[in-house]
């Protein structure tokens, strides 16, 4: 499943390519080994600058609007753990600069996310549909990889 290797095992590498950066949302495509899995929906991408080097983007002029800003482009490890908010085990992105609790979950519009990545089919402007189905498929792939000893990573490209 995936590609690449680590000292302790293989890596599943998901690629999220952001395609449509709008004022109120961002639409992308999630791929594995060059094959599209589904579309993604995130909050809008903003120009983030940590001017005072305190590890966040929350200070005046740094660009983050809480609950309304997509995570920075980059490569993040994905684990599964219990979400107190959603009361179930879900994928969590680790070590996202200036963010905590970034998950991959179901939803249809940017109103359904606070920085998280929503999965689905972009068949309507500013929305993803059939989100629960696509979350189930992608999380099953990730969980299978983890069960086989792989690490799961996601690279987000803007």
N, C-alpha and C. Protein backbone atom coordinates (compact mmCIF):
# COMPACT_ATOMS: atom_id res chain seq x y z
N UNK A 1 0.86 -1.15 0.00
CA UNK A 1 0.00 0.00 0.00
C UNK A 1 0.91 1.22 0.00
N UNK A 2 0.96 2.24 -0.39
CA UNK A 2 1.90 3.33 -0.21
C UNK A 2 3.25 3.07 -0.83
N UNK A 3 4.18 3.95 -0.56
CA UNK A 3 5.52 3.77 -1.10
C UNK A 3 6.51 4.39 -0.15
N UNK A 4 7.79 4.09 -0.38
CA UNK A 4 8.83 4.63 0.47
C UNK A 4 9.08 3.70 1.65
N UNK A 5 10.16 3.97 2.35
CA UNK A 5 10.51 3.12 3.48
C UNK A 5 11.07 3.97 4.61
N UNK A 6 10.89 3.50 5.82
CA UNK A 6 11.53 4.09 6.98
C UNK A 6 12.39 3.01 7.61
N UNK A 7 13.10 3.37 8.64
CA UNK A 7 13.93 2.39 9.34
C UNK A 7 13.06 1.25 9.89
N UNK A 8 11.85 1.59 10.31
CA UNK A 8 10.98 0.59 10.95
C UNK A 8 9.89 0.05 10.03
N UNK A 9 9.80 0.51 8.81
CA UNK A 9 8.73 0.02 7.94
C UNK A 9 8.45 0.94 6.78
N UNK A 10 7.40 0.62 6.08
CA UNK A 10 7.04 1.39 4.90
C UNK A 10 6.22 2.61 5.28
N UNK A 11 6.04 3.49 4.29
CA UNK A 11 5.27 4.71 4.50
C UNK A 11 4.13 4.77 3.50
N UNK A 12 2.94 5.09 3.98
CA UNK A 12 1.83 5.44 3.11
C UNK A 12 1.88 6.95 2.97
N UNK A 13 2.00 7.43 1.74
CA UNK A 13 2.16 8.86 1.49
C UNK A 13 0.95 9.38 0.71
N UNK A 14 0.10 10.12 1.40
CA UNK A 14 -1.03 10.77 0.75
C UNK A 14 -0.59 12.14 0.27
N UNK A 15 -1.11 12.56 -0.88
CA UNK A 15 -0.79 13.88 -1.43
C UNK A 15 -2.09 14.65 -1.58
N UNK A 16 -2.15 15.84 -0.98
CA UNK A 16 -3.29 16.73 -1.14
C UNK A 16 -2.81 17.92 -1.97
N UNK A 17 -3.32 18.03 -3.18
CA UNK A 17 -3.00 19.16 -4.05
C UNK A 17 -4.16 20.14 -4.02
N UNK A 18 -3.91 21.32 -3.48
CA UNK A 18 -4.94 22.36 -3.45
C UNK A 18 -5.08 22.94 -4.85
N UNK A 19 -6.32 22.98 -5.35
CA UNK A 19 -6.55 23.41 -6.74
C UNK A 19 -7.26 24.74 -6.84
N UNK A 20 -8.28 24.95 -6.04
CA UNK A 20 -9.11 26.15 -6.14
C UNK A 20 -9.07 26.88 -4.80
N UNK A 21 -8.31 27.97 -4.75
CA UNK A 21 -8.15 28.75 -3.54
C UNK A 21 -9.08 29.94 -3.61
N UNK A 22 -10.20 29.85 -2.93
CA UNK A 22 -11.23 30.89 -2.95
C UNK A 22 -11.19 31.69 -1.65
N UNK A 23 -11.98 32.76 -1.60
CA UNK A 23 -12.01 33.62 -0.41
C UNK A 23 -12.60 32.92 0.81
N UNK A 24 -13.52 31.97 0.59
CA UNK A 24 -14.22 31.35 1.72
C UNK A 24 -13.98 29.85 1.85
N UNK A 25 -13.23 29.26 0.94
CA UNK A 25 -12.96 27.82 0.99
C UNK A 25 -11.81 27.48 0.05
N UNK A 26 -11.30 26.25 0.18
CA UNK A 26 -10.25 25.72 -0.69
C UNK A 26 -10.65 24.31 -1.11
N UNK A 27 -10.61 24.04 -2.41
CA UNK A 27 -10.90 22.71 -2.95
C UNK A 27 -9.59 22.09 -3.42
N UNK A 28 -9.41 20.82 -3.09
CA UNK A 28 -8.21 20.11 -3.51
C UNK A 28 -8.53 18.69 -3.94
N UNK A 29 -7.47 17.95 -4.22
CA UNK A 29 -7.58 16.56 -4.65
C UNK A 29 -6.64 15.73 -3.78
N UNK A 30 -7.15 14.62 -3.24
CA UNK A 30 -6.35 13.73 -2.41
C UNK A 30 -5.95 12.52 -3.25
N UNK A 31 -4.63 12.23 -3.28
CA UNK A 31 -4.11 11.15 -4.12
C UNK A 31 -3.25 10.19 -3.31
N UNK A 32 -3.20 8.96 -3.79
CA UNK A 32 -2.31 7.94 -3.25
C UNK A 32 -1.67 7.24 -4.44
N UNK A 33 -0.34 7.24 -4.48
CA UNK A 33 0.40 6.62 -5.59
C UNK A 33 -0.06 7.12 -6.95
N UNK A 34 -0.33 8.42 -7.05
CA UNK A 34 -0.73 9.03 -8.31
C UNK A 34 -2.18 8.81 -8.70
N UNK A 35 -2.94 8.12 -7.86
CA UNK A 35 -4.35 7.85 -8.14
C UNK A 35 -5.23 8.72 -7.25
N UNK A 36 -6.17 9.41 -7.86
CA UNK A 36 -7.08 10.25 -7.09
C UNK A 36 -8.01 9.40 -6.25
N UNK A 37 -8.07 9.73 -4.96
CA UNK A 37 -8.99 9.06 -4.05
C UNK A 37 -10.31 9.81 -3.94
N UNK A 38 -10.22 11.15 -3.82
CA UNK A 38 -11.41 11.98 -3.66
C UNK A 38 -11.00 13.44 -3.71
N UNK A 39 -11.99 14.31 -3.59
CA UNK A 39 -11.74 15.74 -3.47
C UNK A 39 -11.64 16.10 -2.00
N UNK A 40 -11.10 17.29 -1.73
CA UNK A 40 -11.00 17.79 -0.36
C UNK A 40 -11.59 19.18 -0.29
N UNK A 41 -12.02 19.55 0.90
CA UNK A 41 -12.48 20.91 1.15
C UNK A 41 -11.85 21.37 2.46
N UNK A 42 -11.28 22.57 2.42
CA UNK A 42 -10.66 23.17 3.61
C UNK A 42 -11.10 24.61 3.72
N UNK A 43 -10.76 25.21 4.85
CA UNK A 43 -10.93 26.65 4.99
C UNK A 43 -10.04 27.35 3.98
N UNK A 44 -10.23 28.66 3.79
CA UNK A 44 -9.38 29.38 2.84
C UNK A 44 -7.91 29.38 3.26
N UNK A 45 -7.04 29.35 2.26
CA UNK A 45 -5.60 29.48 2.48
C UNK A 45 -5.31 30.96 2.70
N UNK A 46 -4.58 31.27 3.73
CA UNK A 46 -4.20 32.66 4.02
C UNK A 46 -2.68 32.74 4.10
N UNK A 47 -2.16 33.94 3.90
CA UNK A 47 -0.73 34.18 4.00
C UNK A 47 -0.37 34.23 5.49
N UNK A 48 0.30 33.19 5.97
CA UNK A 48 0.64 33.08 7.39
C UNK A 48 2.11 33.41 7.61
N UNK A 49 2.36 34.26 8.61
CA UNK A 49 3.73 34.65 8.97
C UNK A 49 3.85 34.69 10.48
N UNK A 50 4.78 33.94 11.03
CA UNK A 50 5.03 33.94 12.47
C UNK A 50 6.10 34.99 12.77
N UNK A 51 5.70 36.26 12.74
CA UNK A 51 6.65 37.36 12.85
C UNK A 51 7.45 37.35 14.15
N UNK A 52 6.83 36.94 15.26
CA UNK A 52 7.54 36.97 16.54
C UNK A 52 8.07 35.60 16.96
N UNK A 53 8.02 34.63 16.04
CA UNK A 53 8.59 33.29 16.27
C UNK A 53 8.10 32.63 17.56
N UNK A 54 6.79 32.78 17.84
CA UNK A 54 6.24 32.13 19.03
C UNK A 54 5.51 30.82 18.71
N UNK A 55 5.62 30.37 17.45
CA UNK A 55 5.05 29.08 17.09
C UNK A 55 3.60 29.10 16.68
N UNK A 56 2.99 30.28 16.61
CA UNK A 56 1.61 30.35 16.15
C UNK A 56 1.48 31.46 15.10
N UNK A 57 0.29 31.61 14.61
CA UNK A 57 0.00 32.67 13.63
C UNK A 57 -1.15 33.52 14.13
N UNK A 58 -1.29 33.62 15.47
CA UNK A 58 -2.45 34.24 16.10
C UNK A 58 -2.27 35.72 16.40
N UNK A 59 -1.06 36.23 16.33
CA UNK A 59 -0.82 37.61 16.71
C UNK A 59 -1.25 38.55 15.58
N UNK A 60 -1.53 39.82 15.90
CA UNK A 60 -1.96 40.77 14.87
C UNK A 60 -1.01 40.79 13.68
N UNK A 61 -1.58 40.70 12.49
CA UNK A 61 -0.80 40.75 11.26
C UNK A 61 -0.22 39.43 10.80
N UNK A 62 -0.35 38.35 11.62
CA UNK A 62 0.24 37.07 11.23
C UNK A 62 -0.66 36.26 10.30
N UNK A 63 -1.94 36.63 10.17
CA UNK A 63 -2.78 36.09 9.11
C UNK A 63 -3.80 35.03 9.47
N UNK A 64 -3.66 34.37 10.61
CA UNK A 64 -4.59 33.29 10.93
C UNK A 64 -5.87 33.85 11.53
N UNK A 65 -6.99 33.37 11.01
CA UNK A 65 -8.29 33.64 11.62
C UNK A 65 -8.75 32.31 12.19
N UNK A 66 -8.87 32.23 13.51
CA UNK A 66 -9.18 30.95 14.16
C UNK A 66 -10.44 30.34 13.56
N UNK A 67 -10.34 29.05 13.21
CA UNK A 67 -11.47 28.31 12.69
C UNK A 67 -11.83 28.64 11.26
N UNK A 68 -11.04 29.51 10.62
CA UNK A 68 -11.34 29.93 9.25
C UNK A 68 -10.10 29.98 8.38
N UNK A 69 -9.08 29.20 8.72
CA UNK A 69 -7.83 29.24 7.98
C UNK A 69 -7.30 27.83 7.78
N UNK A 70 -6.99 27.50 6.52
CA UNK A 70 -6.40 26.19 6.20
C UNK A 70 -5.01 26.08 6.83
N UNK A 71 -4.61 24.85 7.11
CA UNK A 71 -3.28 24.62 7.68
C UNK A 71 -2.21 24.98 6.64
N UNK A 72 -1.00 25.28 7.10
CA UNK A 72 0.08 25.58 6.14
C UNK A 72 0.41 24.37 5.28
N UNK A 73 0.80 24.63 4.04
CA UNK A 73 1.31 23.55 3.18
C UNK A 73 2.49 22.91 3.90
N UNK A 74 2.65 21.61 3.71
CA UNK A 74 3.75 20.90 4.36
C UNK A 74 3.47 19.42 4.41
N UNK A 75 4.33 18.71 5.11
CA UNK A 75 4.22 17.25 5.24
C UNK A 75 3.99 16.91 6.70
N UNK A 76 2.92 16.16 6.97
CA UNK A 76 2.51 15.87 8.33
C UNK A 76 2.24 14.38 8.52
N UNK A 77 2.68 13.87 9.65
CA UNK A 77 2.35 12.48 9.99
C UNK A 77 0.90 12.42 10.44
N UNK A 78 0.24 11.33 10.09
CA UNK A 78 -1.16 11.11 10.46
C UNK A 78 -1.22 9.90 11.39
N UNK A 79 -1.88 10.07 12.52
CA UNK A 79 -2.13 8.96 13.44
C UNK A 79 -3.63 8.88 13.68
N UNK A 80 -4.05 7.82 14.33
CA UNK A 80 -5.44 7.71 14.77
C UNK A 80 -5.45 7.83 16.28
N UNK A 81 -6.35 8.68 16.80
CA UNK A 81 -6.55 8.75 18.23
C UNK A 81 -7.98 9.22 18.52
N UNK A 82 -8.33 9.15 19.79
CA UNK A 82 -9.69 9.50 20.21
C UNK A 82 -9.88 11.01 20.18
N UNK A 83 -10.96 11.44 19.57
CA UNK A 83 -11.33 12.86 19.54
C UNK A 83 -12.40 13.13 20.60
N UNK A 84 -12.09 13.92 21.61
CA UNK A 84 -13.11 14.27 22.60
C UNK A 84 -14.29 15.02 21.96
N UNK A 85 -14.01 15.82 20.95
CA UNK A 85 -15.07 16.59 20.28
C UNK A 85 -16.04 15.67 19.55
N UNK A 86 -15.51 14.71 18.79
CA UNK A 86 -16.35 13.83 17.96
C UNK A 86 -16.67 12.50 18.65
N UNK A 87 -16.06 12.25 19.81
CA UNK A 87 -16.33 11.06 20.61
C UNK A 87 -16.07 9.75 19.86
N UNK A 88 -14.99 9.74 19.06
CA UNK A 88 -14.58 8.51 18.36
C UNK A 88 -13.12 8.65 17.93
N UNK A 89 -12.55 7.53 17.51
CA UNK A 89 -11.18 7.51 17.00
C UNK A 89 -11.19 8.02 15.57
N UNK A 90 -10.28 8.96 15.28
CA UNK A 90 -10.23 9.61 13.97
C UNK A 90 -8.78 9.91 13.59
N UNK A 91 -8.53 10.18 12.30
CA UNK A 91 -7.18 10.60 11.89
C UNK A 91 -6.86 12.00 12.42
N UNK A 92 -5.62 12.15 12.87
CA UNK A 92 -5.12 13.41 13.42
C UNK A 92 -3.78 13.73 12.76
N UNK A 93 -3.62 14.96 12.27
CA UNK A 93 -2.34 15.41 11.72
C UNK A 93 -1.47 15.90 12.87
N UNK A 94 -0.22 15.46 12.91
CA UNK A 94 0.70 15.82 13.99
C UNK A 94 1.59 16.99 13.61
N UNK A 95 1.92 17.78 14.61
CA UNK A 95 2.93 18.85 14.50
C UNK A 95 2.63 19.84 13.39
N UNK A 96 1.37 20.28 13.31
CA UNK A 96 1.00 21.32 12.35
C UNK A 96 1.32 22.66 13.01
N UNK A 97 2.24 23.45 12.43
CA UNK A 97 2.65 24.70 13.07
C UNK A 97 1.46 25.64 13.32
N UNK A 98 1.30 26.05 14.58
CA UNK A 98 0.26 27.01 14.93
C UNK A 98 -1.14 26.44 15.05
N UNK A 99 -1.28 25.11 14.95
CA UNK A 99 -2.60 24.48 14.99
C UNK A 99 -2.58 23.29 15.94
N UNK A 100 -3.75 22.97 16.50
CA UNK A 100 -3.92 21.77 17.32
C UNK A 100 -5.22 21.10 16.89
N UNK A 101 -5.25 19.78 16.96
CA UNK A 101 -6.48 19.06 16.71
C UNK A 101 -6.94 19.04 15.27
N UNK A 102 -5.99 19.06 14.32
CA UNK A 102 -6.36 19.04 12.90
C UNK A 102 -6.65 17.60 12.50
N UNK A 103 -7.87 17.38 12.06
CA UNK A 103 -8.36 16.04 11.74
C UNK A 103 -8.78 15.94 10.28
N UNK A 104 -8.95 14.71 9.83
CA UNK A 104 -9.58 14.41 8.55
C UNK A 104 -10.94 13.85 8.90
N UNK A 105 -12.01 14.52 8.43
CA UNK A 105 -13.36 14.07 8.81
C UNK A 105 -14.38 14.45 7.75
N UNK A 106 -15.62 14.06 8.02
CA UNK A 106 -16.72 14.34 7.09
C UNK A 106 -17.27 15.74 7.31
N UNK A 107 -17.83 16.28 6.26
CA UNK A 107 -18.48 17.58 6.27
C UNK A 107 -18.73 17.98 4.83
N UNK A 108 -19.50 19.04 4.65
CA UNK A 108 -19.87 19.43 3.29
C UNK A 108 -19.40 20.82 2.87
N UNK A 109 -19.26 21.74 3.83
CA UNK A 109 -18.86 23.10 3.49
C UNK A 109 -17.79 23.58 4.47
N UNK A 110 -17.22 24.74 4.19
CA UNK A 110 -16.20 25.30 5.08
C UNK A 110 -16.76 25.57 6.47
N UNK A 111 -18.07 25.71 6.59
CA UNK A 111 -18.69 25.90 7.90
C UNK A 111 -18.56 24.65 8.77
N UNK A 112 -18.27 23.50 8.15
CA UNK A 112 -18.15 22.24 8.87
C UNK A 112 -16.72 21.94 9.32
N UNK A 113 -15.81 22.88 9.12
CA UNK A 113 -14.42 22.65 9.47
C UNK A 113 -13.84 23.86 10.20
N UNK A 114 -12.90 23.59 11.08
CA UNK A 114 -12.15 24.65 11.76
C UNK A 114 -10.67 24.37 11.53
N UNK A 115 -10.29 24.35 10.25
CA UNK A 115 -8.91 24.06 9.87
C UNK A 115 -8.70 22.63 9.43
N UNK A 116 -9.67 21.76 9.66
CA UNK A 116 -9.55 20.34 9.32
C UNK A 116 -9.74 20.11 7.82
N UNK A 117 -9.47 18.88 7.39
CA UNK A 117 -9.61 18.49 5.99
C UNK A 117 -10.87 17.65 5.85
N UNK A 118 -11.78 18.09 4.99
CA UNK A 118 -13.01 17.35 4.70
C UNK A 118 -12.81 16.59 3.40
N UNK A 119 -13.35 15.38 3.32
CA UNK A 119 -13.23 14.56 2.12
C UNK A 119 -14.59 14.40 1.46
N UNK A 120 -14.60 14.27 0.12
CA UNK A 120 -15.85 14.05 -0.60
C UNK A 120 -15.68 14.24 -2.08
N UNK A 121 -16.78 14.59 -2.74
CA UNK A 121 -16.79 14.84 -4.19
C UNK A 121 -17.21 16.29 -4.42
N UNK A 122 -16.38 17.05 -5.11
CA UNK A 122 -16.68 18.45 -5.39
C UNK A 122 -17.56 18.54 -6.64
N UNK A 123 -18.87 18.36 -6.43
CA UNK A 123 -19.83 18.42 -7.53
C UNK A 123 -20.71 19.65 -7.46
N UNK A 124 -20.52 20.45 -6.43
CA UNK A 124 -21.26 21.70 -6.27
C UNK A 124 -20.27 22.76 -5.77
N UNK A 125 -20.46 23.98 -6.20
CA UNK A 125 -19.53 25.06 -5.87
C UNK A 125 -19.37 25.22 -4.35
N UNK A 126 -18.12 25.16 -3.90
CA UNK A 126 -17.81 25.38 -2.49
C UNK A 126 -18.23 24.26 -1.56
N UNK A 127 -18.49 23.08 -2.13
CA UNK A 127 -18.97 21.96 -1.31
C UNK A 127 -18.29 20.65 -1.72
N UNK A 128 -18.31 19.69 -0.80
CA UNK A 128 -18.03 18.30 -1.14
C UNK A 128 -19.24 17.47 -0.72
N UNK A 129 -19.57 16.49 -1.54
CA UNK A 129 -20.72 15.61 -1.29
C UNK A 129 -20.23 14.20 -1.02
N UNK A 130 -21.10 13.35 -0.52
CA UNK A 130 -20.77 11.96 -0.20
C UNK A 130 -19.55 11.86 0.72
N UNK A 131 -19.48 12.78 1.64
CA UNK A 131 -18.30 12.90 2.50
C UNK A 131 -18.11 11.69 3.42
N UNK A 132 -19.17 11.23 4.04
CA UNK A 132 -19.03 10.09 4.97
C UNK A 132 -18.47 8.86 4.25
N UNK A 133 -18.94 8.63 3.04
CA UNK A 133 -18.44 7.49 2.26
C UNK A 133 -16.94 7.61 2.03
N UNK A 134 -16.49 8.78 1.55
CA UNK A 134 -15.07 8.96 1.23
C UNK A 134 -14.20 8.94 2.48
N UNK A 135 -14.69 9.47 3.58
CA UNK A 135 -13.94 9.39 4.84
C UNK A 135 -13.79 7.93 5.25
N UNK A 136 -14.85 7.15 5.11
CA UNK A 136 -14.78 5.72 5.47
C UNK A 136 -13.76 4.99 4.61
N UNK A 137 -13.75 5.26 3.31
CA UNK A 137 -12.81 4.58 2.40
C UNK A 137 -11.37 4.97 2.73
N UNK A 138 -11.11 6.26 2.85
CA UNK A 138 -9.74 6.73 3.07
C UNK A 138 -9.24 6.33 4.46
N UNK A 139 -10.08 6.45 5.48
CA UNK A 139 -9.62 6.06 6.81
C UNK A 139 -9.37 4.55 6.89
N UNK A 140 -10.16 3.76 6.16
CA UNK A 140 -9.90 2.31 6.13
C UNK A 140 -8.55 2.01 5.49
N UNK A 141 -8.20 2.73 4.42
CA UNK A 141 -6.89 2.56 3.79
C UNK A 141 -5.76 2.93 4.76
N UNK A 142 -5.94 4.06 5.46
CA UNK A 142 -4.92 4.49 6.41
C UNK A 142 -4.78 3.50 7.56
N UNK A 143 -5.91 3.05 8.09
CA UNK A 143 -5.86 2.12 9.21
C UNK A 143 -5.23 0.79 8.80
N UNK A 144 -5.51 0.33 7.59
CA UNK A 144 -4.90 -0.90 7.08
C UNK A 144 -3.38 -0.74 7.01
N UNK A 145 -2.93 0.39 6.51
CA UNK A 145 -1.49 0.65 6.43
C UNK A 145 -0.85 0.64 7.81
N UNK A 146 -1.48 1.31 8.76
CA UNK A 146 -0.95 1.35 10.12
C UNK A 146 -0.92 -0.06 10.72
N UNK A 147 -1.98 -0.82 10.49
CA UNK A 147 -2.04 -2.20 11.01
C UNK A 147 -0.94 -3.08 10.41
N UNK A 148 -0.49 -2.73 9.19
CA UNK A 148 0.58 -3.48 8.52
C UNK A 148 1.97 -2.93 8.86
N UNK A 149 2.03 -2.00 9.81
CA UNK A 149 3.31 -1.47 10.26
C UNK A 149 3.80 -0.24 9.52
N UNK A 150 2.98 0.30 8.65
CA UNK A 150 3.39 1.51 7.93
C UNK A 150 3.09 2.75 8.75
N UNK A 151 3.84 3.81 8.48
CA UNK A 151 3.47 5.14 8.95
C UNK A 151 2.62 5.76 7.86
N UNK A 152 1.73 6.67 8.24
CA UNK A 152 0.91 7.40 7.28
C UNK A 152 1.31 8.87 7.35
N UNK A 153 1.57 9.44 6.19
CA UNK A 153 1.94 10.85 6.07
C UNK A 153 1.07 11.50 5.00
N UNK A 154 0.84 12.80 5.15
CA UNK A 154 0.13 13.57 4.13
C UNK A 154 0.97 14.78 3.78
N UNK A 155 1.17 14.99 2.50
CA UNK A 155 1.85 16.19 2.01
C UNK A 155 0.80 17.09 1.40
N UNK A 156 0.73 18.33 1.89
CA UNK A 156 -0.24 19.30 1.40
C UNK A 156 0.50 20.31 0.55
N UNK A 157 0.11 20.40 -0.71
CA UNK A 157 0.72 21.33 -1.67
C UNK A 157 -0.27 22.43 -2.03
N UNK A 158 0.21 23.67 -2.04
CA UNK A 158 -0.62 24.80 -2.46
C UNK A 158 -0.16 25.27 -3.81
